[in-house]
C-alpha atoms as a PDB file:
ATOM      1  CA  UNK A   1       0.000   0.000   0.000  1.00  0.00           C
ATOM      2  CA  UNK A   2       1.430   3.377  -1.026  1.00  0.00           C
ATOM      3  CA  UNK A   3       1.761   6.266   1.403  1.00  0.00           C
ATOM      4  CA  UNK A   4      -0.929   8.134  -0.555  1.00  0.00           C
ATOM      5  CA  UNK A   5      -3.374   5.208  -0.400  1.00  0.00           C
ATOM      6  CA  UNK A   6      -2.821   4.804   3.350  1.00  0.00           C
ATOM      7  CA  UNK A   7      -3.178   8.541   4.067  1.00  0.00           C
ATOM      8  CA  UNK A   8      -6.350   8.823   2.014  1.00  0.00           C
ATOM      9  CA  UNK A   9      -7.882   5.744   3.644  1.00  0.00           C
ATOM     10  CA  UNK A  10      -7.017   7.083   7.103  1.00  0.00           C
ATOM     11  CA  UNK A  11      -8.476  10.512   6.278  1.00  0.00           C
ATOM     12  CA  UNK A  12     -11.665   8.962   4.902  1.00  0.00           C
ATOM     13  CA  UNK A  13     -12.106   7.009   8.163  1.00  0.00           C
ATOM     14  CA  UNK A  14     -11.276   9.967  10.402  1.00  0.00           C
ATOM     15  CA  UNK A  15     -13.409  10.497  13.503  1.00  0.00           C
ATOM     16  CA  UNK A  16     -11.143  13.110  15.125  1.00  0.00           C
ATOM     17  CA  UNK A  17     -13.886  15.681  15.771  1.00  0.00           C
ATOM     18  CA  UNK A  18     -16.941  13.403  15.773  1.00  0.00           C
ATOM     19  CA  UNK A  19     -18.255  14.745  19.094  1.00  0.00           C
ATOM     20  CA  UNK A  20     -18.629  18.195  17.470  1.00  0.00           C
ATOM     21  CA  UNK A  21     -20.488  17.040  14.359  1.00  0.00           C
ATOM     22  CA  UNK A  22     -24.304  17.076  14.497  1.00  0.00           C
ATOM     23  CA  UNK A  23     -24.618  14.374  11.818  1.00  0.00           C
ATOM     24  CA  UNK A  24     -21.500  12.454  12.792  1.00  0.00           C
ATOM     25  CA  UNK A  25     -18.349  12.010  10.736  1.00  0.00           C
ATOM     26  CA  UNK A  26     -18.464  11.425   7.000  1.00  0.00           C
ATOM     27  CA  UNK A  27     -15.271  12.771   5.446  1.00  0.00           C
ATOM     28  CA  UNK A  28     -15.782  13.840   1.834  1.00  0.00           C
ATOM     29  CA  UNK A  29     -12.659  14.355  -0.281  1.00  0.00           C
ATOM     30  CA  UNK A  30     -11.555  13.502  -3.808  1.00  0.00           C
ATOM     31  CA  UNK A  31      -7.841  13.029  -4.394  1.00  0.00           C
ATOM     32  CA  UNK A  32      -5.346  11.306  -6.655  1.00  0.00           C
ATOM     33  CA  UNK A  33      -1.630  12.045  -7.148  1.00  0.00           C
ATOM     34  CA  UNK A  34      -2.238  12.596 -10.891  1.00  0.00           C
ATOM     35  CA  UNK A  35      -4.722  15.458 -10.309  1.00  0.00           C
ATOM     36  CA  UNK A  36      -3.728  18.649 -12.117  1.00  0.00           C
ATOM     37  CA  UNK A  37      -6.290  21.026 -10.596  1.00  0.00           C
ATOM     38  CA  UNK A  38      -6.938  21.394  -6.878  1.00  0.00           C
ATOM     39  CA  UNK A  39     -10.107  22.924  -5.468  1.00  0.00           C
ATOM     40  CA  UNK A  40      -9.381  24.018  -1.909  1.00  0.00           C
ATOM     41  CA  UNK A  41     -12.770  24.616  -0.340  1.00  0.00           C
ATOM     42  CA  UNK A  42     -14.415  25.135   3.044  1.00  0.00           C
ATOM     43  CA  UNK A  43     -16.388  22.088   4.259  1.00  0.00           C
ATOM     44  CA  UNK A  44     -19.136  19.846   2.891  1.00  0.00           C
ATOM     45  CA  UNK A  45     -22.706  21.087   3.136  1.00  0.00           C
ATOM     46  CA  UNK A  46     -25.513  18.934   4.505  1.00  0.00           C
ATOM     47  CA  UNK A  47     -26.526  17.643   1.058  1.00  0.00           C
ATOM     48  CA  UNK A  48     -22.922  16.647   0.369  1.00  0.00           C
ATOM     49  CA  UNK A  49     -22.797  14.843   3.718  1.00  0.00           C
ATOM     50  CA  UNK A  50     -25.957  12.947   2.794  1.00  0.00           C
ATOM     51  CA  UNK A  51     -24.749  11.904  -0.680  1.00  0.00           C
ATOM     52  CA  UNK A  52     -21.007  11.636  -0.083  1.00  0.00           C
ATOM     53  CA  UNK A  53     -20.446  13.511  -3.362  1.00  0.00           C
ATOM     54  CA  UNK A  54     -18.427  16.746  -3.080  1.00  0.00           C
ATOM     55  CA  UNK A  55     -19.974  19.896  -4.553  1.00  0.00           C
ATOM     56  CA  UNK A  56     -23.201  17.996  -5.254  1.00  0.00           C
ATOM     57  CA  UNK A  57     -25.243  21.175  -4.888  1.00  0.00           C
ATOM     58  CA  UNK A  58     -25.816  24.573  -6.543  1.00  0.00           C
ATOM     59  CA  UNK A  59     -22.315  25.677  -5.437  1.00  0.00           C
ATOM     60  CA  UNK A  60     -20.834  22.842  -7.466  1.00  0.00           C
ATOM     61  CA  UNK A  61     -22.944  23.725 -10.493  1.00  0.00           C
ATOM     62  CA  UNK A  62     -21.673  27.305 -10.404  1.00  0.00           C
ATOM     63  CA  UNK A  63     -18.069  26.235  -9.793  1.00  0.00           C
ATOM     64  CA  UNK A  64     -18.123  23.853 -12.763  1.00  0.00           C
ATOM     65  CA  UNK A  65     -19.614  26.651 -14.876  1.00  0.00           C
ATOM     66  CA  UNK A  66     -16.833  29.023 -13.798  1.00  0.00           C
ATOM     67  CA  UNK A  67     -14.248  26.359 -14.666  1.00  0.00           C
ATOM     68  CA  UNK A  68     -15.951  25.511 -17.957  1.00  0.00           C
ATOM     69  CA  UNK A  69     -15.952  21.765 -17.315  1.00  0.00           C
ATOM     70  CA  UNK A  70     -18.511  18.976 -17.158  1.00  0.00           C
ATOM     71  CA  UNK A  71     -19.449  16.890 -14.148  1.00  0.00           C
ATOM     72  CA  UNK A  72     -17.572  13.957 -15.683  1.00  0.00           C
ATOM     73  CA  UNK A  73     -14.329  15.953 -15.811  1.00  0.00           C
ATOM     74  CA  UNK A  74     -14.906  17.524 -12.389  1.00  0.00           C
ATOM     75  CA  UNK A  75     -15.471  14.162 -10.715  1.00  0.00           C
ATOM     76  CA  UNK A  76     -12.466  12.507 -12.348  1.00  0.00           C
ATOM     77  CA  UNK A  77     -10.099  12.234  -9.372  1.00  0.00           C
ATOM     78  CA  UNK A  78      -7.105  11.999 -11.724  1.00  0.00           C
ATOM     79  CA  UNK A  79      -8.010  15.441 -13.070  1.00  0.00           C
ATOM     80  CA  UNK A  80      -9.527  17.460 -10.203  1.00  0.00           C
ATOM     81  CA  UNK A  81      -8.653  17.064  -6.524  1.00  0.00           C
ATOM     82  CA  UNK A  82     -11.244  18.335  -4.026  1.00  0.00           C
ATOM     83  CA  UNK A  83      -9.737  19.005  -0.604  1.00  0.00           C
ATOM     84  CA  UNK A  84     -11.814  21.106   1.789  1.00  0.00           C
ATOM     85  CA  UNK A  85     -10.473  22.654   4.981  1.00  0.00           C
ATOM     86  CA  UNK A  86     -12.879  20.472   6.958  1.00  0.00           C
ATOM     87  CA  UNK A  87     -13.835  17.066   5.601  1.00  0.00           C
ATOM     88  CA  UNK A  88     -17.207  16.709   7.366  1.00  0.00           C
ATOM     89  CA  UNK A  89     -20.391  18.779   7.552  1.00  0.00           C
ATOM     90  CA  UNK A  90     -19.820  21.065  10.576  1.00  0.00           C
ATOM     91  CA  UNK A  91     -23.468  21.876  11.287  1.00  0.00           C
ATOM     92  CA  UNK A  92     -25.587  24.975  10.825  1.00  0.00           C
ATOM     93  CA  UNK A  93     -25.489  28.266  12.727  1.00  0.00           C
ATOM     94  CA  UNK A  94     -27.571  31.443  12.685  1.00  0.00           C
ATOM     95  CA  UNK A  95     -26.306  32.648   9.310  1.00  0.00           C
ATOM     96  CA  UNK A  96     -25.545  29.426   7.464  1.00  0.00           C
ATOM     97  CA  UNK A  97     -23.178  26.530   7.865  1.00  0.00           C
ATOM     98  CA  UNK A  98     -20.693  26.669  10.717  1.00  0.00           C
ATOM     99  CA  UNK A  99     -16.996  27.133   9.951  1.00  0.00           C
ATOM    100  CA  UNK A 100     -15.011  24.031   9.044  1.00  0.00           C
ATOM    101  CA  UNK A 101     -13.702  22.154  12.064  1.00  0.00           C
ATOM    102  CA  UNK A 102     -10.005  23.067  12.500  1.00  0.00           C
ATOM    103  CA  UNK A 103      -8.911  19.524  13.366  1.00  0.00           C
ATOM    104  CA  UNK A 104      -8.945  18.355   9.721  1.00  0.00           C
ATOM    105  CA  UNK A 105      -6.508  20.946   8.433  1.00  0.00           C
ATOM    106  CA  UNK A 106      -4.137  20.384  11.345  1.00  0.00           C
ATOM    107  CA  UNK A 107      -4.202  16.614  11.004  1.00  0.00           C
ATOM    108  CA  UNK A 108      -4.476  16.006   7.267  1.00  0.00           C
ATOM    109  CA  UNK A 109      -4.023  19.013   5.003  1.00  0.00           C
ATOM    110  CA  UNK A 110      -0.243  19.273   4.804  1.00  0.00           C
ATOM    111  CA  UNK A 111       0.206  15.518   4.417  1.00  0.00           C
ATOM    112  CA  UNK A 112      -2.397  15.218   1.660  1.00  0.00           C
ATOM    113  CA  UNK A 113      -1.238  18.316  -0.234  1.00  0.00           C
ATOM    114  CA  UNK A 114       2.256  16.805  -0.308  1.00  0.00           C
ATOM    115  CA  UNK A 115       0.767  13.845  -2.201  1.00  0.00           C
ATOM    116  CA  UNK A 116      -0.419  16.067  -5.080  1.00  0.00           C
ATOM    117  CA  UNK A 117       2.793  16.780  -7.039  1.00  0.00           C
ATOM    118  CA  UNK A 118       1.097  17.375 -10.403  1.00  0.00           C
ATOM    119  CA  UNK A 119      -1.237  20.225  -9.432  1.00  0.00           C
ATOM    120  CA  UNK A 120      -0.837  23.137 -11.848  1.00  0.00           C
ATOM    121  CA  UNK A 121      -3.732  25.279 -10.609  1.00  0.00           C
ATOM    122  CA  UNK A 122      -5.209  25.659  -7.130  1.00  0.00           C
ATOM    123  CA  UNK A 123      -8.603  27.340  -6.823  1.00  0.00           C
ATOM    124  CA  UNK A 124      -9.053  28.640  -3.283  1.00  0.00           C
ATOM    125  CA  UNK A 125     -12.716  29.086  -2.339  1.00  0.00           C
ATOM    126  CA  UNK A 126     -13.884  31.083   0.627  1.00  0.00           C
ATOM    127  CA  UNK A 127     -12.245  32.846   3.551  1.00  0.00           C
ATOM    128  CA  UNK A 128     -11.168  29.813   5.623  1.00  0.00           C
ATOM    129  CA  UNK A 129      -9.308  28.235   2.721  1.00  0.00           C
ATOM    130  CA  UNK A 130      -7.924  31.620   1.687  1.00  0.00           C
ATOM    131  CA  UNK A 131      -6.584  32.278   5.187  1.00  0.00           C
ATOM    132  CA  UNK A 132      -4.746  28.955   4.975  1.00  0.00           C
ATOM    133  CA  UNK A 133      -3.354  29.328   1.439  1.00  0.00           C
ATOM    134  CA  UNK A 134      -2.597  33.066   1.284  1.00  0.00           C
ATOM    135  CA  UNK A 135      -0.420  35.053   3.631  1.00  0.00           C
ATOM    136  CA  UNK A 136      -2.539  38.181   4.097  1.00  0.00           C
ATOM    137  CA  UNK A 137      -5.673  37.350   6.103  1.00  0.00           C
ATOM    138  CA  UNK A 138      -6.385  41.075   6.612  1.00  0.00           C
ATOM    139  CA  UNK A 139      -7.456  41.520   3.002  1.00  0.00           C
ATOM    140  CA  UNK A 140     -11.184  41.500   2.392  1.00  0.00           C
ATOM    141  CA  UNK A 141     -12.636  38.916   0.033  1.00  0.00           C
ATOM    142  CA  UNK A 142     -12.975  41.586  -2.659  1.00  0.00           C
ATOM    143  CA  UNK A 143      -9.387  42.793  -2.207  1.00  0.00           C
ATOM    144  CA  UNK A 144      -7.995  39.261  -2.330  1.00  0.00           C
ATOM    145  CA  UNK A 145     -10.061  38.091  -5.294  1.00  0.00           C
ATOM    146  CA  UNK A 146      -9.290  41.288  -7.234  1.00  0.00           C
ATOM    147  CA  UNK A 147      -5.579  40.653  -6.711  1.00  0.00           C
ATOM    148  CA  UNK A 148      -5.850  37.234  -8.406  1.00  0.00           C
ATOM    149  CA  UNK A 149      -3.198  38.194 -10.971  1.00  0.00           C
ATOM    150  CA  UNK A 150      -0.607  38.241  -8.142  1.00  0.00           C
ATOM    151  CA  UNK A 151      -0.983  34.463  -7.746  1.00  0.00           C
ATOM    152  CA  UNK A 152      -1.734  33.532 -11.342  1.00  0.00           C
ATOM    153  CA  UNK A 153      -1.303  31.103 -13.100  1.00  0.00           C
ATOM    154  CA  UNK A 154      -0.630  28.659 -10.221  1.00  0.00           C
ATOM    155  CA  UNK A 155      -3.334  29.824  -7.793  1.00  0.00           C
ATOM    156  CA  UNK A 156      -6.515  31.858  -7.743  1.00  0.00           C
ATOM    157  CA  UNK A 157      -8.609  33.128  -4.830  1.00  0.00           C
ATOM    158  CA  UNK A 158     -12.307  32.863  -5.656  1.00  0.00           C
ATOM    159  CA  UNK A 159     -15.460  33.844  -3.840  1.00  0.00           C
ATOM    160  CA  UNK A 160     -17.311  30.791  -2.663  1.00  0.00           C
ATOM    161  CA  UNK A 161     -19.667  29.763  -5.503  1.00  0.00           C
ATOM    162  CA  UNK A 162     -22.583  29.452  -3.083  1.00  0.00           C
ATOM    163  CA  UNK A 163     -25.853  31.200  -3.958  1.00  0.00           C
ATOM    164  CA  UNK A 164     -25.271  33.100  -0.689  1.00  0.00           C
ATOM    165  CA  UNK A 165     -22.672  35.100  -2.641  1.00  0.00           C
ATOM    166  CA  UNK A 166     -25.106  36.333  -5.301  1.00  0.00           C
ATOM    167  CA  UNK A 167     -24.987  39.819  -3.770  1.00  0.00           C
ATOM    168  CA  UNK A 168     -21.172  39.861  -3.926  1.00  0.00           C
ATOM    169  CA  UNK A 169     -21.267  38.682  -7.535  1.00  0.00           C
ATOM    170  CA  UNK A 170     -23.809  41.359  -8.483  1.00  0.00           C
ATOM    171  CA  UNK A 171     -21.611  44.045  -6.854  1.00  0.00           C
ATOM    172  CA  UNK A 172     -18.507  42.705  -8.597  1.00  0.00           C
ATOM    173  CA  UNK A 173     -19.566  41.938 -12.190  1.00  0.00           C
ATOM    174  CA  UNK A 174     -15.912  42.113 -13.296  1.00  0.00           C
ATOM    175  CA  UNK A 175     -15.380  38.682 -11.709  1.00  0.00           C
ATOM    176  CA  UNK A 176     -17.614  36.784 -14.127  1.00  0.00           C
ATOM    177  CA  UNK A 177     -16.966  39.125 -17.089  1.00  0.00           C
ATOM    178  CA  UNK A 178     -13.173  39.410 -16.804  1.00  0.00           C
ATOM    179  CA  UNK A 179     -11.801  36.651 -14.587  1.00  0.00           C
ATOM    180  CA  UNK A 180     -14.016  33.658 -15.422  1.00  0.00           C
ATOM    181  CA  UNK A 181     -12.980  33.610 -19.134  1.00  0.00           C
ATOM    182  CA  UNK A 182      -9.310  33.683 -18.039  1.00  0.00           C
ATOM    183  CA  UNK A 183      -9.979  30.836 -15.609  1.00  0.00           C
ATOM    184  CA  UNK A 184     -11.748  28.788 -18.274  1.00  0.00           C
ATOM    185  CA  UNK A 185      -8.855  29.286 -20.686  1.00  0.00           C
ATOM    186  CA  UNK A 186      -6.341  28.176 -18.039  1.00  0.00           C
ATOM    187  CA  UNK A 187      -8.381  25.073 -17.171  1.00  0.00           C
ATOM    188  CA  UNK A 188      -8.663  24.211 -20.865  1.00  0.00           C
ATOM    189  CA  UNK A 189      -4.900  24.672 -21.291  1.00  0.00           C
ATOM    190  CA  UNK A 190      -4.135  22.367 -18.331  1.00  0.00           C
ATOM    191  CA  UNK A 191      -6.543  19.678 -19.452  1.00  0.00           C
ATOM    192  CA  UNK A 192      -5.240  19.865 -23.015  1.00  0.00           C
END
């Protein structure tokens, strides 16, 4: 058994924070060492917890649209790796889902990222993932996303594709008009 296979199996069986999870543990990740695109997200939503399929919701539909790829390509683990900050549904609070549990990132993130040597583009969705992957947590979402060219072509900070961000998207039409075509071209280039 390879180190990658063992790490992934251990992560998928993780119960590290089970006492904090309202629906219990069900880690949801998609990884393979051959993956060329990494989506670094927040944590699975309730529907994802129920199905075990990452981004199996309107957020996933919008993300795939932004990337310009089909579900078949998106769910090909040898093409796209999906590694959230928290692997399990964290529960719901007053204004939406709770933040990802911090135990996952501490225990698994560094080890699993080290097993992805072929990643050419990392899409970083949402503030928790952005705080982990970028070194200036004081920037607002708008400031960070509008500075995407500073990290391009290897990384890109994105707003979370959730419908909860419709207001942000309507206030920042440049994102879908200017950045999304650049993103789609880069994804197409990587996938050949």
